[in-house]
């Protein structure tokens, strides 16, 4: 039986068109730094550590990885695993 060709691969980020995806990952702690902003994939609310979260009384400067275990999206109640890393435009 002859060998088969491997399946086609998706284009690399930043390929044709010059702009890659705005999001990466789904709350993976290894990709999240202390200033990383994340966006809810349900309602698109952005958690910005510089602003904190007044709804949950999270003070400014709190990284996403240090949010309390009970924290959910202040607009749609999505859990933390529903947040995607928001890449800043270059």
PDB file of N, CA and C in Angstrom:
ATOM      1  N   UNK A   1       0.847  -1.170   0.000  1.00  0.00           N
ATOM      2  CA  UNK A   1       0.000   0.000   0.000  1.00  0.00           C
ATOM      3  C   UNK A   1       0.896   1.238   0.000  1.00  0.00           C
ATOM      4  N   UNK A   2       0.655   2.202  -0.929  1.00  0.00           N
ATOM      5  CA  UNK A   2       1.515   3.394  -1.005  1.00  0.00           C
ATOM      6  C   UNK A   2       1.282   4.294   0.208  1.00  0.00           C
ATOM      7  N   UNK A   3       2.329   5.033   0.614  1.00  0.00           N
ATOM      8  CA  UNK A   3       2.172   5.946   1.755  1.00  0.00           C
ATOM      9  C   UNK A   3       1.205   7.071   1.406  1.00  0.00           C
ATOM     10  N   UNK A   4       0.511   7.551   2.406  1.00  0.00           N
ATOM     11  CA  UNK A   4      -0.425   8.651   2.173  1.00  0.00           C
ATOM     12  C   UNK A   4       0.226   9.966   2.574  1.00  0.00           C
ATOM     13  N   UNK A   5      -0.220  11.020   1.933  1.00  0.00           N
ATOM     14  CA  UNK A   5       0.288  12.347   2.262  1.00  0.00           C
ATOM     15  C   UNK A   5      -0.283  12.776   3.608  1.00  0.00           C
ATOM     16  N   UNK A   6       0.498  13.544   4.391  1.00  0.00           N
ATOM     17  CA  UNK A   6      -0.035  14.038   5.662  1.00  0.00           C
ATOM     18  C   UNK A   6      -1.156  15.037   5.406  1.00  0.00           C
ATOM     19  N   UNK A   7      -2.087  15.193   6.358  1.00  0.00           N
ATOM     20  CA  UNK A   7      -3.173  16.154   6.153  1.00  0.00           C
ATOM     21  C   UNK A   7      -2.623  17.567   6.067  1.00  0.00           C
ATOM     22  N   UNK A   8      -3.319  18.447   5.340  1.00  0.00           N
ATOM     23  CA  UNK A   8      -2.840  19.832   5.230  1.00  0.00           C
ATOM     24  C   UNK A   8      -2.851  20.517   6.590  1.00  0.00           C
ATOM     25  N   UNK A   9      -1.892  21.396   6.791  1.00  0.00           N
ATOM     26  CA  UNK A   9      -1.774  22.131   8.047  1.00  0.00           C
ATOM     27  C   UNK A   9      -2.379  23.515   7.885  1.00  0.00           C
ATOM     28  N   UNK A  10      -3.006  24.057   8.964  1.00  0.00           N
ATOM     29  CA  UNK A  10      -3.545  25.416   8.870  1.00  0.00           C
ATOM     30  C   UNK A  10      -2.417  26.421   8.718  1.00  0.00           C
ATOM     31  N   UNK A  11      -2.701  27.589   8.123  1.00  0.00           N
ATOM     32  CA  UNK A  11      -1.651  28.595   7.961  1.00  0.00           C
ATOM     33  C   UNK A  11      -1.166  29.090   9.316  1.00  0.00           C
ATOM     34  N   UNK A  12       0.085  29.466   9.371  1.00  0.00           N
ATOM     35  CA  UNK A  12       0.665  29.978  10.605  1.00  0.00           C
ATOM     36  C   UNK A  12       0.057  31.331  10.934  1.00  0.00           C
ATOM     37  N   UNK A  13      -0.001  31.660  12.231  1.00  0.00           N
ATOM     38  CA  UNK A  13      -0.516  32.969  12.655  1.00  0.00           C
ATOM     39  C   UNK A  13       0.301  34.067  12.005  1.00  0.00           C
ATOM     40  N   UNK A  14      -0.388  35.101  11.561  1.00  0.00           N
ATOM     41  CA  UNK A  14       0.304  36.211  10.916  1.00  0.00           C
ATOM     42  C   UNK A  14       0.641  35.935   9.469  1.00  0.00           C
ATOM     43  N   UNK A  15       0.033  34.887   8.879  1.00  0.00           N
ATOM     44  CA  UNK A  15       0.299  34.546   7.495  1.00  0.00           C
ATOM     45  C   UNK A  15      -0.323  35.550   6.547  1.00  0.00           C
ATOM     46  N   UNK A  16      -0.968  35.055   5.503  1.00  0.00           N
ATOM     47  CA  UNK A  16      -1.572  35.936   4.504  1.00  0.00           C
ATOM     48  C   UNK A  16      -2.520  36.913   5.171  1.00  0.00           C
ATOM     49  N   UNK A  17      -2.439  38.152   4.784  1.00  0.00           N
ATOM     50  CA  UNK A  17      -3.282  39.174   5.392  1.00  0.00           C
ATOM     51  C   UNK A  17      -2.554  39.947   6.461  1.00  0.00           C
ATOM     52  N   UNK A  18      -1.451  39.400   6.975  1.00  0.00           N
ATOM     53  CA  UNK A  18      -0.614  40.139   7.902  1.00  0.00           C
ATOM     54  C   UNK A  18      -1.088  40.228   9.337  1.00  0.00           C
ATOM     55  N   UNK A  19      -2.215  39.636   9.683  1.00  0.00           N
ATOM     56  CA  UNK A  19      -2.619  39.703  11.080  1.00  0.00           C
ATOM     57  C   UNK A  19      -3.021  38.326  11.556  1.00  0.00           C
ATOM     58  N   UNK A  20      -2.528  37.961  12.723  1.00  0.00           N
ATOM     59  CA  UNK A  20      -2.843  36.667  13.302  1.00  0.00           C
ATOM     60  C   UNK A  20      -4.044  36.765  14.203  1.00  0.00           C
ATOM     61  N   UNK A  21      -4.364  35.694  14.902  1.00  0.00           N
ATOM     62  CA  UNK A  21      -5.520  35.696  15.790  1.00  0.00           C
ATOM     63  C   UNK A  21      -5.306  36.607  16.990  1.00  0.00           C
ATOM     64  N   UNK A  22      -6.405  37.155  17.519  1.00  0.00           N
ATOM     65  CA  UNK A  22      -6.328  38.000  18.710  1.00  0.00           C
ATOM     66  C   UNK A  22      -6.264  37.168  19.979  1.00  0.00           C
ATOM     67  N   UNK A  23      -6.709  35.926  19.930  1.00  0.00           N
ATOM     68  CA  UNK A  23      -6.808  35.095  21.117  1.00  0.00           C
ATOM     69  C   UNK A  23      -5.876  33.914  21.011  1.00  0.00           C
ATOM     70  N   UNK A  24      -5.489  33.415  22.151  1.00  0.00           N
ATOM     71  CA  UNK A  24      -4.654  32.233  22.169  1.00  0.00           C
ATOM     72  C   UNK A  24      -4.891  31.511  23.482  1.00  0.00           C
ATOM     73  N   UNK A  25      -5.151  30.244  23.411  1.00  0.00           N
ATOM     74  CA  UNK A  25      -5.331  29.461  24.618  1.00  0.00           C
ATOM     75  C   UNK A  25      -6.697  29.690  25.247  1.00  0.00           C
ATOM     76  N   UNK A  26      -6.979  28.944  26.249  1.00  0.00           N
ATOM     77  CA  UNK A  26      -8.244  29.050  26.956  1.00  0.00           C
ATOM     78  C   UNK A  26      -7.948  29.029  28.447  1.00  0.00           C
ATOM     79  N   UNK A  27      -7.249  30.063  28.928  1.00  0.00           N
ATOM     80  CA  UNK A  27      -6.974  30.151  30.347  1.00  0.00           C
ATOM     81  C   UNK A  27      -5.838  29.278  30.826  1.00  0.00           C
ATOM     82  N   UNK A  28      -4.917  28.905  29.952  1.00  0.00           N
ATOM     83  CA  UNK A  28      -3.787  28.081  30.371  1.00  0.00           C
ATOM     84  C   UNK A  28      -2.826  28.923  31.211  1.00  0.00           C
ATOM     85  N   UNK A  29      -2.643  28.524  32.465  1.00  0.00           N
ATOM     86  CA  UNK A  29      -1.816  29.297  33.376  1.00  0.00           C
ATOM     87  C   UNK A  29      -0.383  29.493  32.879  1.00  0.00           C
ATOM     88  N   UNK A  30       0.140  28.564  32.075  1.00  0.00           N
ATOM     89  CA  UNK A  30       1.512  28.706  31.593  1.00  0.00           C
ATOM     90  C   UNK A  30       1.668  29.894  30.659  1.00  0.00           C
ATOM     91  N   UNK A  31       0.583  30.328  30.011  1.00  0.00           N
ATOM     92  CA  UNK A  31       0.647  31.444  29.070  1.00  0.00           C
ATOM     93  C   UNK A  31       0.242  32.761  29.714  1.00  0.00           C
ATOM     94  N   UNK A  32      -0.171  32.736  30.964  1.00  0.00           N
ATOM     95  CA  UNK A  32      -0.734  33.912  31.610  1.00  0.00           C
ATOM     96  C   UNK A  32       0.285  34.537  32.557  1.00  0.00           C
ATOM     97  N   UNK A  33       0.695  35.762  32.220  1.00  0.00           N
ATOM     98  CA  UNK A  33       1.604  36.510  33.083  1.00  0.00           C
ATOM     99  C   UNK A  33       0.817  37.428  33.999  1.00  0.00           C
ATOM    100  N   UNK A  34       1.493  38.164  34.857  1.00  0.00           N
ATOM    101  CA  UNK A  34       0.795  39.028  35.813  1.00  0.00           C
ATOM    102  C   UNK A  34       0.014  40.170  35.168  1.00  0.00           C
ATOM    103  N   UNK A  35       0.370  40.578  33.953  1.00  0.00           N
ATOM    104  CA  UNK A  35      -0.336  41.669  33.274  1.00  0.00           C
ATOM    105  C   UNK A  35      -1.220  41.184  32.122  1.00  0.00           C
ATOM    106  N   UNK A  36      -1.312  39.869  31.934  1.00  0.00           N
ATOM    107  CA  UNK A  36      -2.070  39.315  30.816  1.00  0.00           C
ATOM    108  C   UNK A  36      -3.556  39.604  30.964  1.00  0.00           C
ATOM    109  N   UNK A  37      -4.149  40.128  29.886  1.00  0.00           N
ATOM    110  CA  UNK A  37      -5.591  40.364  29.855  1.00  0.00           C
ATOM    111  C   UNK A  37      -6.255  39.150  29.219  1.00  0.00           C
ATOM    112  N   UNK A  38      -7.441  38.803  29.714  1.00  0.00           N
ATOM    113  CA  UNK A  38      -8.182  37.668  29.174  1.00  0.00           C
ATOM    114  C   UNK A  38      -9.596  38.091  28.835  1.00  0.00           C
ATOM    115  N   UNK A  39     -10.178  37.418  27.853  1.00  0.00           N
ATOM    116  CA  UNK A  39     -11.508  37.767  27.381  1.00  0.00           C
ATOM    117  C   UNK A  39     -12.431  36.558  27.485  1.00  0.00           C
ATOM    118  N   UNK A  40     -13.625  36.791  28.006  1.00  0.00           N
ATOM    119  CA  UNK A  40     -14.630  35.739  28.129  1.00  0.00           C
ATOM    120  C   UNK A  40     -15.068  35.303  26.734  1.00  0.00           C
ATOM    121  N   UNK A  41     -15.053  34.011  26.490  1.00  0.00           N
ATOM    122  CA  UNK A  41     -15.456  33.537  25.161  1.00  0.00           C
ATOM    123  C   UNK A  41     -16.967  33.434  25.023  1.00  0.00           C
ATOM    124  N   UNK A  42     -17.710  33.721  26.096  1.00  0.00           N
ATOM    125  CA  UNK A  42     -19.161  33.707  26.041  1.00  0.00           C
ATOM    126  C   UNK A  42     -19.697  35.104  25.714  1.00  0.00           C
ATOM    127  N   UNK A  43     -19.264  36.117  26.494  1.00  0.00           N
ATOM    128  CA  UNK A  43     -19.833  37.473  26.323  1.00  0.00           C
ATOM    129  C   UNK A  43     -18.793  38.526  25.940  1.00  0.00           C
ATOM    130  N   UNK A  44     -17.533  38.143  25.797  1.00  0.00           N
ATOM    131  CA  UNK A  44     -16.440  39.007  25.358  1.00  0.00           C
ATOM    132  C   UNK A  44     -16.020  40.053  26.400  1.00  0.00           C
ATOM    133  N   UNK A  45     -16.392  39.863  27.651  1.00  0.00           N
ATOM    134  CA  UNK A  45     -15.919  40.752  28.713  1.00  0.00           C
ATOM    135  C   UNK A  45     -14.430  40.537  28.899  1.00  0.00           C
ATOM    136  N   UNK A  46     -13.676  41.619  29.021  1.00  0.00           N
ATOM    137  CA  UNK A  46     -12.220  41.535  29.208  1.00  0.00           C
ATOM    138  C   UNK A  46     -11.899  41.695  30.689  1.00  0.00           C
ATOM    139  N   UNK A  47     -11.095  40.739  31.228  1.00  0.00           N
ATOM    140  CA  UNK A  47     -10.551  40.914  32.571  1.00  0.00           C
ATOM    141  C   UNK A  47      -9.170  41.531  32.405  1.00  0.00           C
ATOM    142  N   UNK A  48      -8.994  42.735  32.937  1.00  0.00           N
ATOM    143  CA  UNK A  48      -7.720  43.447  32.875  1.00  0.00           C
ATOM    144  C   UNK A  48      -7.179  43.542  34.293  1.00  0.00           C
ATOM    145  N   UNK A  49      -6.030  42.901  34.578  1.00  0.00           N
ATOM    146  CA  UNK A  49      -5.477  42.953  35.929  1.00  0.00           C
ATOM    147  C   UNK A  49      -5.257  44.379  36.432  1.00  0.00           C
ATOM    148  N   UNK A  50      -4.966  45.315  35.536  1.00  0.00           N
ATOM    149  CA  UNK A  50      -4.739  46.704  35.958  1.00  0.00           C
ATOM    150  C   UNK A  50      -6.008  47.320  36.542  1.00  0.00           C
ATOM    151  N   UNK A  51      -7.169  46.823  36.130  1.00  0.00           N
ATOM    152  CA  UNK A  51      -8.440  47.356  36.614  1.00  0.00           C
ATOM    153  C   UNK A  51      -9.064  46.525  37.717  1.00  0.00           C
ATOM    154  N   UNK A  52      -8.715  45.239  37.812  1.00  0.00           N
ATOM    155  CA  UNK A  52      -9.357  44.369  38.784  1.00  0.00           C
ATOM    156  C   UNK A  52     -10.811  44.113  38.379  1.00  0.00           C
ATOM    157  N   UNK A  53     -11.661  43.812  39.355  1.00  0.00           N
ATOM    158  CA  UNK A  53     -13.071  43.540  39.086  1.00  0.00           C
ATOM    159  C   UNK A  53     -13.914  44.089  40.230  1.00  0.00           C
ATOM    160  N   UNK A  54     -14.503  45.275  40.041  1.00  0.00           N
ATOM    161  CA  UNK A  54     -15.308  45.873  41.102  1.00  0.00           C
ATOM    162  C   UNK A  54     -16.509  45.013  41.505  1.00  0.00           C
ATOM    163  N   UNK A  55     -17.078  44.268  40.566  1.00  0.00           N
ATOM    164  CA  UNK A  55     -18.242  43.427  40.867  1.00  0.00           C
ATOM    165  C   UNK A  55     -17.923  42.401  41.954  1.00  0.00           C
ATOM    166  N   UNK A  56     -16.753  41.774  41.848  1.00  0.00           N
ATOM    167  CA  UNK A  56     -16.322  40.765  42.820  1.00  0.00           C
ATOM    168  C   UNK A  56     -15.374  41.344  43.876  1.00  0.00           C
ATOM    169  N   UNK A  57     -15.209  42.645  43.894  1.00  0.00           N
ATOM    170  CA  UNK A  57     -14.335  43.336  44.839  1.00  0.00           C
ATOM    171  C   UNK A  57     -12.894  42.833  44.753  1.00  0.00           C
ATOM    172  N   UNK A  58     -12.449  42.631  43.509  1.00  0.00           N
ATOM    173  CA  UNK A  58     -11.059  42.244  43.248  1.00  0.00           C
ATOM    174  C   UNK A  58     -10.286  43.530  43.003  1.00  0.00           C
ATOM    175  N   UNK A  59      -9.263  43.808  43.816  1.00  0.00           N
ATOM    176  CA  UNK A  59      -8.538  45.074  43.670  1.00  0.00           C
ATOM    177  C   UNK A  59      -7.697  45.133  42.392  1.00  0.00           C
ATOM    178  N   UNK A  60      -7.477  46.359  41.880  1.00  0.00           N
ATOM    179  CA  UNK A  60      -6.572  46.525  40.735  1.00  0.00           C
ATOM    180  C   UNK A  60      -5.208  45.916  41.043  1.00  0.00           C
ATOM    181  N   UNK A  61      -4.584  45.372  40.025  1.00  0.00           N
ATOM    182  CA  UNK A  61      -3.268  44.754  40.187  1.00  0.00           C
ATOM    183  C   UNK A  61      -3.334  43.261  40.464  1.00  0.00           C
ATOM    184  N   UNK A  62      -4.551  42.678  40.495  1.00  0.00           N
ATOM    185  CA  UNK A  62      -4.691  41.240  40.760  1.00  0.00           C
ATOM    186  C   UNK A  62      -4.596  40.455  39.454  1.00  0.00           C
ATOM    187  N   UNK A  63      -3.548  39.626  39.294  1.00  0.00           N
ATOM    188  CA  UNK A  63      -3.436  38.813  38.078  1.00  0.00           C
ATOM    189  C   UNK A  63      -4.574  37.804  37.982  1.00  0.00           C
ATOM    190  N   UNK A  64      -4.905  37.407  36.782  1.00  0.00           N
ATOM    191  CA  UNK A  64      -5.974  36.433  36.553  1.00  0.00           C
ATOM    192  C   UNK A  64      -5.720  35.148  37.341  1.00  0.00           C
ATOM    193  N   UNK A  65      -4.474  34.731  37.427  1.00  0.00           N
ATOM    194  CA  UNK A  65      -4.134  33.487  38.125  1.00  0.00           C
ATOM    195  C   UNK A  65      -4.339  33.580  39.630  1.00  0.00           C
ATOM    196  N   UNK A  66      -4.523  34.795  40.167  1.00  0.00           N
ATOM    197  CA  UNK A  66      -4.727  34.969  41.601  1.00  0.00           C
ATOM    198  C   UNK A  66      -6.165  35.353  41.959  1.00  0.00           C
ATOM    199  N   UNK A  67      -7.083  35.241  40.992  1.00  0.00           N
ATOM    200  CA  UNK A  67      -8.487  35.502  41.291  1.00  0.00           C
ATOM    201  C   UNK A  67      -8.998  34.444  42.266  1.00  0.00           C
ATOM    202  N   UNK A  68      -9.961  34.797  43.116  1.00  0.00           N
ATOM    203  CA  UNK A  68     -10.487  33.806  44.061  1.00  0.00           C
ATOM    204  C   UNK A  68     -11.138  32.631  43.329  1.00  0.00           C
ATOM    205  N   UNK A  69     -11.148  31.457  43.948  1.00  0.00           N
ATOM    206  CA  UNK A  69     -11.699  30.258  43.283  1.00  0.00           C
ATOM    207  C   UNK A  69     -13.162  30.406  42.874  1.00  0.00           C
ATOM    208  N   UNK A  70     -13.926  31.206  43.583  1.00  0.00           N
ATOM    209  CA  UNK A  70     -15.351  31.370  43.276  1.00  0.00           C
ATOM    210  C   UNK A  70     -15.611  32.415  42.193  1.00  0.00           C
ATOM    211  N   UNK A  71     -14.549  33.084  41.703  1.00  0.00           N
ATOM    212  CA  UNK A  71     -14.721  34.164  40.731  1.00  0.00           C
ATOM    213  C   UNK A  71     -15.312  33.632  39.435  1.00  0.00           C
ATOM    214  N   UNK A  72     -16.271  34.390  38.887  1.00  0.00           N
ATOM    215  CA  UNK A  72     -16.840  34.113  37.569  1.00  0.00           C
ATOM    216  C   UNK A  72     -16.947  35.432  36.813  1.00  0.00           C
ATOM    217  N   UNK A  73     -17.234  35.356  35.525  1.00  0.00           N
ATOM    218  CA  UNK A  73     -17.406  36.552  34.707  1.00  0.00           C
ATOM    219  C   UNK A  73     -18.502  37.428  35.322  1.00  0.00           C
ATOM    220  N   UNK A  74     -18.233  38.716  35.519  1.00  0.00           N
ATOM    221  CA  UNK A  74     -19.227  39.589  36.142  1.00  0.00           C
ATOM    222  C   UNK A  74     -20.465  39.840  35.284  1.00  0.00           C
ATOM    223  N   UNK A  75     -20.405  39.493  34.000  1.00  0.00           N
ATOM    224  CA  UNK A  75     -21.547  39.754  33.120  1.00  0.00           C
ATOM    225  C   UNK A  75     -22.356  38.516  32.778  1.00  0.00           C
ATOM    226  N   UNK A  76     -21.700  37.354  32.653  1.00  0.00           N
ATOM    227  CA  UNK A  76     -22.440  36.160  32.233  1.00  0.00           C
ATOM    228  C   UNK A  76     -22.226  34.956  33.147  1.00  0.00           C
ATOM    229  N   UNK A  77     -21.444  35.123  34.196  1.00  0.00           N
ATOM    230  CA  UNK A  77     -21.156  34.064  35.178  1.00  0.00           C
ATOM    231  C   UNK A  77     -20.355  32.892  34.618  1.00  0.00           C
ATOM    232  N   UNK A  78     -19.667  33.092  33.496  1.00  0.00           N
ATOM    233  CA  UNK A  78     -18.805  32.036  32.956  1.00  0.00           C
ATOM    234  C   UNK A  78     -17.657  31.779  33.932  1.00  0.00           C
ATOM    235  N   UNK A  79     -17.244  30.536  34.022  1.00  0.00           N
ATOM    236  CA  UNK A  79     -16.141  30.173  34.905  1.00  0.00           C
ATOM    237  C   UNK A  79     -14.801  30.570  34.284  1.00  0.00           C
ATOM    238  N   UNK A  80     -13.761  30.534  35.095  1.00  0.00           N
ATOM    239  CA  UNK A  80     -12.437  30.978  34.650  1.00  0.00           C
ATOM    240  C   UNK A  80     -11.921  30.233  33.425  1.00  0.00           C
ATOM    241  N   UNK A  81     -12.296  28.966  33.284  1.00  0.00           N
ATOM    242  CA  UNK A  81     -11.802  28.196  32.133  1.00  0.00           C
ATOM    243  C   UNK A  81     -12.438  28.630  30.820  1.00  0.00           C
ATOM    244  N   UNK A  82     -13.386  29.541  30.868  1.00  0.00           N
ATOM    245  CA  UNK A  82     -14.030  30.064  29.659  1.00  0.00           C
ATOM    246  C   UNK A  82     -13.363  31.338  29.146  1.00  0.00           C
ATOM    247  N   UNK A  83     -12.226  31.707  29.740  1.00  0.00           N
ATOM    248  CA  UNK A  83     -11.514  32.927  29.348  1.00  0.00           C
ATOM    249  C   UNK A  83     -10.316  32.591  28.468  1.00  0.00           C
ATOM    250  N   UNK A  84     -10.111  33.406  27.455  1.00  0.00           N
ATOM    251  CA  UNK A  84      -9.021  33.214  26.492  1.00  0.00           C
ATOM    252  C   UNK A  84      -7.994  34.330  26.653  1.00  0.00           C
ATOM    253  N   UNK A  85      -6.740  33.978  26.449  1.00  0.00           N
ATOM    254  CA  UNK A  85      -5.675  34.976  26.475  1.00  0.00           C
ATOM    255  C   UNK A  85      -5.923  35.978  25.358  1.00  0.00           C
ATOM    256  N   UNK A  86      -5.883  37.248  25.697  1.00  0.00           N
ATOM    257  CA  UNK A  86      -6.100  38.319  24.724  1.00  0.00           C
ATOM    258  C   UNK A  86      -4.739  38.893  24.355  1.00  0.00           C
ATOM    259  N   UNK A  87      -4.355  38.683  23.111  1.00  0.00           N
ATOM    260  CA  UNK A  87      -3.057  39.181  22.650  1.00  0.00           C
ATOM    261  C   UNK A  87      -3.185  40.644  22.282  1.00  0.00           C
ATOM    262  N   UNK A  88      -2.264  41.457  22.744  1.00  0.00           N
ATOM    263  CA  UNK A  88      -2.267  42.868  22.399  1.00  0.00           C
ATOM    264  C   UNK A  88      -1.835  43.032  20.958  1.00  0.00           C
ATOM    265  N   UNK A  89      -2.487  43.943  20.220  1.00  0.00           N
ATOM    266  CA  UNK A  89      -2.080  44.135  18.815  1.00  0.00           C
ATOM    267  C   UNK A  89      -0.641  44.657  18.745  1.00  0.00           C
ATOM    268  N   UNK A  90       0.078  44.165  17.772  1.00  0.00           N
ATOM    269  CA  UNK A  90       1.481  44.563  17.625  1.00  0.00           C
ATOM    270  C   UNK A  90       1.604  45.890  16.949  1.00  0.00           C
TER     271      UNK A  90
END
